[in-house]
Amino acid sequence: MTATALPSERTGTAARSRPGALGKVKKIFFPVAPTYLFMIIPAIVLFTFFIIYPAIQGMFWSFTNYVGYGTWHFVGLANYKAAFADPTIRDSYGFTLLFAVVACILTNAVAMAVALALNAKIKWRAGFRTVFFMPLVLSGLVVSYIFSFIIGNSVPIIATAIHFAPLESDILANQHTAWLGIVFVASWVAIPGAIIIFLAGLVSIQPEVYEAASIDGASTWKQFQRMTFPLLFPFFVINTILTFKNFLNVYDICVGLTNGGPGTATTSVAQTIFSGFFTGDYAYQMANAVIFFFITLLFAIFQLGVIRRRGGSL
């Protein structure tokens, strides 16, 4: 025999199950337990004081004639107008964009090829992975100094011995070829990180997919074209966004290899901004930094738009 709840008991149970106004407010502002929110307070405080506050302060100084110390006055958009008309700044943007596009393409193409090779069933696979990941733990500035010696001294000697004319002289000393050396070194540093992401994507693909394709008679190229790359596309997108953003902010590689030379042929935007802080152009280069931020933001929005049109997701 089952017991029947009294009307008063049913009413009390229903009242307890319906959240009140205080419960709704708590759910909106505290969707998780307050303990978790307290745990992220240190991160929020650090991000605010070291990222958000300096960014707002820098944007404020960009509308002044501040040189880093002393008095200052508002100058409106004068710094921005001068930056758009400055050929040195325009050249730094041209070099940075060209470098970022070429290095991004090279990095992702090589990283995907190496990831496919390292994911295959080969002997000493773990050892090869260790070798390819070693550049990831080295400082970009240290790598640049090492490659500066190799490209400027060792490579010309070897090229002269084998009579390979294009490399018989130091390419970093030529304003037309110096950027190629920077692309090579920057890609060498960035490839291991991209390989890790591609390997994570390859591991997530089930072996049954390739078994079914083999039974259907699909060639290796068809399997890559119709299955591997579409399944790797989200990881390819992540790599593209990360590498392109990092290459736009290139600084240490340029300083270590050419220090922006010959002349200003390989001076990046980040190097232009940073050097201006010590030459009395604080507010002027801060305006340049704001322009650079919005250009980077536009590229990010464009990349995300392409992803959505292709039906991809991050």
Protein backbone atom coordinates (compact mmCIF):
# COMPACT_ATOMS: atom_id res chain seq x y z
CA MET A 1 0.00 0.00 0.00
CA THR A 2 1.49 3.37 -1.09
CA ALA A 3 1.28 6.49 1.02
CA THR A 4 -0.32 9.60 -0.44
CA ALA A 5 1.20 12.97 0.36
CA LEU A 6 -1.09 15.54 1.90
CA PRO A 7 -1.89 18.74 -0.07
CA SER A 8 0.09 20.84 2.39
CA GLU A 9 3.14 18.59 1.96
CA ARG A 10 2.92 18.74 -1.84
CA THR A 11 2.70 22.53 -1.70
CA GLY A 12 5.75 22.76 0.55
CA THR A 13 7.77 20.46 -1.71
CA ALA A 14 6.85 22.47 -4.83
CA ALA A 15 7.73 25.71 -3.08
CA ARG A 16 11.12 24.35 -2.11
CA SER A 17 11.82 23.16 -5.69
CA ARG A 18 11.10 26.58 -7.21
CA PRO A 19 14.04 28.97 -6.82
CA GLY A 20 13.18 32.35 -5.42
CA ALA A 21 14.39 35.74 -6.64
CA LEU A 22 17.56 35.43 -4.57
CA GLY A 23 18.27 32.04 -6.13
CA LYS A 24 17.88 33.41 -9.67
CA VAL A 25 20.25 36.30 -8.96
CA LYS A 26 22.77 33.91 -7.43
CA LYS A 27 22.56 31.66 -10.50
CA ILE A 28 23.23 34.59 -12.84
CA PHE A 29 26.21 36.06 -10.99
CA PHE A 30 27.54 32.85 -9.46
CA PRO A 31 26.92 30.07 -12.02
CA VAL A 32 29.51 27.96 -10.20
CA ALA A 33 30.35 27.58 -6.54
CA PRO A 34 31.79 30.80 -5.03
CA THR A 35 34.91 28.85 -4.07
CA TYR A 36 35.91 28.54 -7.72
CA LEU A 37 35.42 32.27 -8.26
CA PHE A 38 37.64 33.12 -5.31
CA MET A 39 40.36 30.90 -6.77
CA ILE A 40 40.55 32.97 -9.99
CA ILE A 41 40.70 36.32 -8.19
CA PRO A 42 44.56 36.35 -8.14
CA ALA A 43 44.65 35.74 -11.89
CA ILE A 44 42.08 38.49 -12.52
CA VAL A 45 44.00 40.95 -10.34
CA LEU A 46 47.33 40.19 -12.06
CA PHE A 47 45.77 40.39 -15.53
CA THR A 48 44.13 43.72 -14.67
CA PHE A 49 47.25 45.37 -13.26
CA PHE A 50 49.77 44.00 -15.76
CA ILE A 51 47.70 43.87 -18.99
CA ILE A 52 44.48 45.90 -18.88
CA TYR A 53 45.73 48.88 -16.85
CA PRO A 54 48.95 49.37 -18.90
CA ALA A 55 46.96 49.07 -22.13
CA ILE A 56 44.49 51.77 -21.05
CA GLN A 57 47.33 53.95 -19.78
CA GLY A 58 49.28 53.53 -23.02
CA MET A 59 46.22 54.47 -25.07
CA PHE A 60 45.88 57.60 -22.94
CA TRP A 61 49.55 58.60 -23.48
CA SER A 62 49.14 58.17 -27.24
CA PHE A 63 47.04 61.36 -27.29
CA THR A 64 49.77 63.39 -25.58
CA ASN A 65 53.34 64.53 -26.22
CA TYR A 66 54.68 62.57 -23.25
CA VAL A 67 58.33 61.48 -23.64
CA GLY A 68 58.42 59.08 -20.70
CA TYR A 69 59.10 61.64 -17.98
CA GLY A 70 58.36 65.25 -17.10
CA THR A 71 55.35 67.27 -18.15
CA TRP A 72 53.01 66.53 -21.00
CA HIS A 73 50.16 68.08 -22.98
CA PHE A 74 47.30 66.72 -25.05
CA VAL A 75 47.98 66.77 -28.80
CA GLY A 76 44.87 64.93 -29.98
CA LEU A 77 45.39 62.77 -33.05
CA ALA A 78 48.72 64.34 -34.03
CA ASN A 79 50.71 61.20 -33.15
CA TYR A 80 48.40 59.02 -35.22
CA LYS A 81 48.58 61.32 -38.23
CA ALA A 82 52.37 61.40 -38.03
CA ALA A 83 52.54 57.60 -37.71
CA PHE A 84 50.47 57.05 -40.85
CA ALA A 85 52.75 59.43 -42.78
CA ASP A 86 56.03 58.03 -41.42
CA PRO A 87 57.84 55.93 -44.10
CA THR A 88 59.91 54.14 -41.43
CA ILE A 89 56.78 52.86 -39.73
CA ARG A 90 55.22 51.91 -43.06
CA ASP A 91 58.34 49.92 -43.98
CA SER A 92 58.27 48.11 -40.62
CA TYR A 93 54.66 47.11 -41.22
CA GLY A 94 55.48 45.92 -44.74
CA PHE A 95 58.36 43.76 -43.52
CA THR A 96 56.41 42.38 -40.56
CA LEU A 97 53.35 41.40 -42.63
CA LEU A 98 55.45 39.80 -45.39
CA PHE A 99 57.53 37.93 -42.85
CA ALA A 100 54.47 36.77 -40.86
CA VAL A 101 52.63 35.44 -43.93
CA VAL A 102 55.63 33.56 -45.39
CA ALA A 103 56.79 32.19 -42.02
CA CYS A 104 53.24 31.10 -41.11
CA ILE A 105 52.83 29.17 -44.37
CA LEU A 106 56.28 27.58 -44.11
CA THR A 107 55.86 26.66 -40.44
CA ASN A 108 52.49 24.98 -40.84
CA ALA A 109 53.45 23.14 -44.04
CA VAL A 110 56.65 21.71 -42.56
CA ALA A 111 55.05 21.01 -39.16
CA MET A 112 52.19 19.06 -40.73
CA ALA A 113 54.58 17.00 -42.88
CA VAL A 114 56.83 16.22 -39.91
CA ALA A 115 53.82 15.40 -37.70
CA LEU A 116 52.54 12.94 -40.29
CA ALA A 117 56.00 11.33 -40.44
CA LEU A 118 56.34 11.14 -36.66
CA ASN A 119 52.85 9.67 -36.33
CA ALA A 120 53.68 6.86 -38.76
CA LYS A 121 54.86 3.48 -37.56
CA ILE A 122 58.62 4.00 -37.81
CA LYS A 123 61.56 2.81 -35.72
CA TRP A 124 62.93 5.10 -33.02
CA ARG A 125 59.83 7.28 -33.24
CA ALA A 126 60.22 8.52 -29.65
CA GLY A 127 63.84 9.52 -30.30
CA PHE A 128 62.94 11.44 -33.43
CA ARG A 129 60.18 13.28 -31.57
CA THR A 130 62.68 14.36 -28.91
CA VAL A 131 65.07 15.69 -31.56
CA PHE A 132 62.36 17.69 -33.32
CA PHE A 133 61.05 19.14 -30.05
CA MET A 134 64.44 20.39 -28.81
CA PRO A 135 64.13 23.90 -30.40
CA LEU A 136 61.02 24.43 -28.29
CA VAL A 137 63.04 24.68 -25.07
CA LEU A 138 65.66 27.08 -26.42
CA SER A 139 65.48 30.86 -26.14
CA GLY A 140 64.74 32.62 -29.41
CA LEU A 141 67.51 35.13 -28.75
CA VAL A 142 70.09 32.39 -28.10
CA VAL A 143 69.00 30.54 -31.26
CA SER A 144 69.32 33.78 -33.24
CA TYR A 145 72.89 34.39 -32.09
CA ILE A 146 73.85 30.81 -32.98
CA PHE A 147 72.27 30.99 -36.43
CA SER A 148 73.79 34.43 -37.00
CA PHE A 149 77.23 32.84 -36.71
CA ILE A 150 76.24 29.81 -38.81
CA ILE A 151 74.65 31.85 -41.63
CA GLY A 152 77.33 34.53 -41.61
CA ASN A 153 80.41 32.29 -41.34
CA SER A 154 79.85 28.55 -41.79
CA VAL A 155 77.33 28.64 -44.63
CA PRO A 156 79.44 30.88 -46.95
CA ILE A 157 82.48 28.62 -46.45
CA ILE A 158 80.47 25.50 -47.32
CA ALA A 159 78.75 27.24 -50.25
CA THR A 160 82.11 28.38 -51.63
CA ALA A 161 83.48 24.85 -51.38
CA ILE A 162 80.57 23.40 -53.37
CA HIS A 163 80.35 26.47 -55.68
CA PHE A 164 76.79 27.42 -54.68
CA ALA A 165 76.82 31.13 -55.54
CA PRO A 166 73.60 32.33 -53.78
CA LEU A 167 75.01 31.44 -50.34
CA GLU A 168 78.66 32.32 -50.85
CA SER A 169 78.06 35.66 -49.11
CA ASP A 170 76.23 36.41 -45.87
CA ILE A 171 72.54 36.70 -46.76
CA LEU A 172 71.89 38.57 -43.49
CA ALA A 173 74.11 41.42 -44.73
CA ASN A 174 72.03 41.88 -47.87
CA GLN A 175 68.90 44.01 -47.47
CA HIS A 176 67.10 41.98 -50.16
CA THR A 177 67.76 38.53 -48.65
CA ALA A 178 68.10 39.20 -44.92
CA TRP A 179 64.39 38.62 -44.35
CA LEU A 180 64.73 35.08 -45.73
CA GLY A 181 67.20 34.23 -42.99
CA ILE A 182 64.79 35.58 -40.38
CA VAL A 183 61.95 33.52 -41.87
CA PHE A 184 64.08 30.37 -41.72
CA VAL A 185 65.19 30.84 -38.11
CA ALA A 186 61.76 31.94 -36.84
CA SER A 187 60.12 28.95 -38.53
CA TRP A 188 62.77 26.62 -37.07
CA VAL A 189 61.86 27.87 -33.60
CA ALA A 190 58.07 27.71 -34.14
CA ILE A 191 57.79 24.35 -35.92
CA PRO A 192 58.06 22.13 -32.77
CA GLY A 193 55.08 23.81 -31.11
CA ALA A 194 53.00 23.39 -34.27
CA ILE A 195 54.06 19.74 -34.50
CA ILE A 196 52.72 19.07 -31.00
CA ILE A 197 49.30 20.45 -31.92
CA PHE A 198 49.18 18.49 -35.19
CA LEU A 199 50.21 15.29 -33.39
CA ALA A 200 47.40 15.83 -30.89
CA GLY A 201 44.99 16.02 -33.81
CA LEU A 202 46.42 12.92 -35.51
CA VAL A 203 46.16 10.90 -32.31
CA SER A 204 42.47 11.83 -32.02
CA ILE A 205 41.68 10.26 -35.44
CA GLN A 206 40.41 6.71 -35.02
CA PRO A 207 42.40 3.98 -36.88
CA GLU A 208 39.12 2.47 -38.12
CA VAL A 209 38.73 5.47 -40.45
CA TYR A 210 41.90 4.53 -42.35
CA GLU A 211 41.06 0.83 -42.28
CA ALA A 212 37.74 1.51 -43.99
CA ALA A 213 39.45 3.75 -46.56
CA SER A 214 42.04 1.07 -47.31
CA ILE A 215 39.33 -1.48 -47.87
CA ASP A 216 37.67 0.92 -50.33
CA GLY A 217 40.99 1.20 -52.20
CA ALA A 218 41.81 4.83 -51.32
CA SER A 219 45.44 5.81 -51.93
CA THR A 220 47.61 7.49 -49.29
CA TRP A 221 47.15 10.89 -50.93
CA LYS A 222 43.37 10.41 -51.16
CA GLN A 223 43.26 9.46 -47.48
CA PHE A 224 45.14 12.63 -46.57
CA GLN A 225 43.05 14.81 -48.90
CA ARG A 226 39.62 13.43 -48.00
CA MET A 227 40.08 12.35 -44.36
CA THR A 228 43.25 13.44 -42.61
CA PHE A 229 43.25 17.12 -43.53
CA PRO A 230 39.49 17.70 -42.98
CA LEU A 231 39.75 16.04 -39.56
CA LEU A 232 42.90 18.05 -38.80
CA PHE A 233 41.35 21.33 -39.96
CA PRO A 234 40.48 22.62 -36.44
CA PHE A 235 44.07 21.98 -35.36
CA PHE A 236 45.34 23.65 -38.54
CA VAL A 237 43.24 26.70 -37.68
CA ILE A 238 44.64 26.83 -34.16
CA ASN A 239 48.19 26.61 -35.48
CA THR A 240 47.56 29.28 -38.11
CA ILE A 241 46.15 31.76 -35.60
CA LEU A 242 48.86 31.13 -33.00
CA THR A 243 51.82 31.19 -35.38
CA PHE A 244 50.59 34.24 -37.31
CA LYS A 245 50.00 36.17 -34.09
CA ASN A 246 53.44 35.26 -32.77
CA PHE A 247 55.13 36.18 -36.04
CA LEU A 248 53.41 39.56 -36.10
CA ASN A 249 54.98 40.24 -32.69
CA VAL A 250 58.46 39.08 -33.73
CA TYR A 251 61.22 40.87 -31.86
CA ASP A 252 63.98 38.68 -30.43
CA ILE A 253 64.73 36.86 -33.71
CA CYS A 254 65.20 40.17 -35.56
CA VAL A 255 67.38 41.61 -32.80
CA GLY A 256 69.57 38.51 -32.56
CA LEU A 257 70.06 38.02 -36.31
CA THR A 258 70.25 41.50 -37.84
CA ASN A 259 69.25 44.02 -35.16
CA GLY A 260 66.83 45.40 -37.75
CA GLY A 261 69.43 45.79 -40.49
CA PRO A 262 70.87 46.19 -42.96
CA GLY A 263 69.65 49.72 -42.39
CA THR A 264 66.00 49.24 -41.44
CA ALA A 265 65.26 46.43 -43.91
CA THR A 266 64.35 43.88 -41.21
CA THR A 267 63.05 46.17 -38.47
CA SER A 268 59.79 44.73 -37.16
CA VAL A 269 56.90 46.74 -35.76
CA ALA A 270 57.60 45.49 -32.24
CA GLN A 271 61.24 46.54 -32.55
CA THR A 272 60.23 49.98 -33.83
CA ILE A 273 57.84 50.47 -30.92
CA PHE A 274 60.29 49.25 -28.28
CA SER A 275 63.24 51.29 -29.54
CA GLY A 276 61.09 54.44 -29.65
CA PHE A 277 60.51 54.25 -25.90
CA PHE A 278 64.19 55.08 -25.32
CA THR A 279 64.59 57.85 -27.89
CA GLY A 280 61.99 60.34 -26.64
CA ASP A 281 59.19 58.99 -28.86
CA TYR A 282 57.20 57.41 -26.04
CA ALA A 283 53.76 58.83 -26.90
CA TYR A 284 54.44 58.61 -30.63
CA GLN A 285 55.33 54.93 -30.51
CA MET A 286 52.46 54.30 -28.12
CA ALA A 287 50.16 55.54 -30.88
CA ASN A 288 51.95 53.14 -33.21
CA ALA A 289 51.30 50.34 -30.69
CA VAL A 290 47.58 51.16 -30.61
CA ILE A 291 47.45 51.08 -34.43
CA PHE A 292 49.29 47.75 -34.41
CA PHE A 293 46.85 46.34 -31.85
CA PHE A 294 43.83 47.15 -34.01
CA ILE A 295 45.52 45.74 -37.13
CA THR A 296 46.24 42.50 -35.26
CA LEU A 297 42.64 42.45 -34.03
CA LEU A 298 41.34 42.84 -37.60
CA PHE A 299 43.47 39.92 -38.76
CA ALA A 300 42.10 37.77 -35.92
CA ILE A 301 38.51 38.69 -36.81
CA PHE A 302 39.21 37.91 -40.47
CA GLN A 303 40.65 34.49 -39.59
CA LEU A 304 37.67 33.64 -37.40
CA GLY A 305 35.32 34.76 -40.18
CA VAL A 306 37.02 32.41 -42.65
CA ILE A 307 36.69 29.58 -40.13
CA ARG A 308 32.96 30.15 -39.68
CA ARG A 309 32.35 30.31 -43.43
CA ARG A 310 34.06 26.95 -43.82
CA GLY A 311 32.00 25.49 -41.01
CA GLY A 312 34.96 24.98 -38.72
CA SER A 313 35.18 25.57 -35.00
CA LEU A 314 37.89 26.02 -32.40
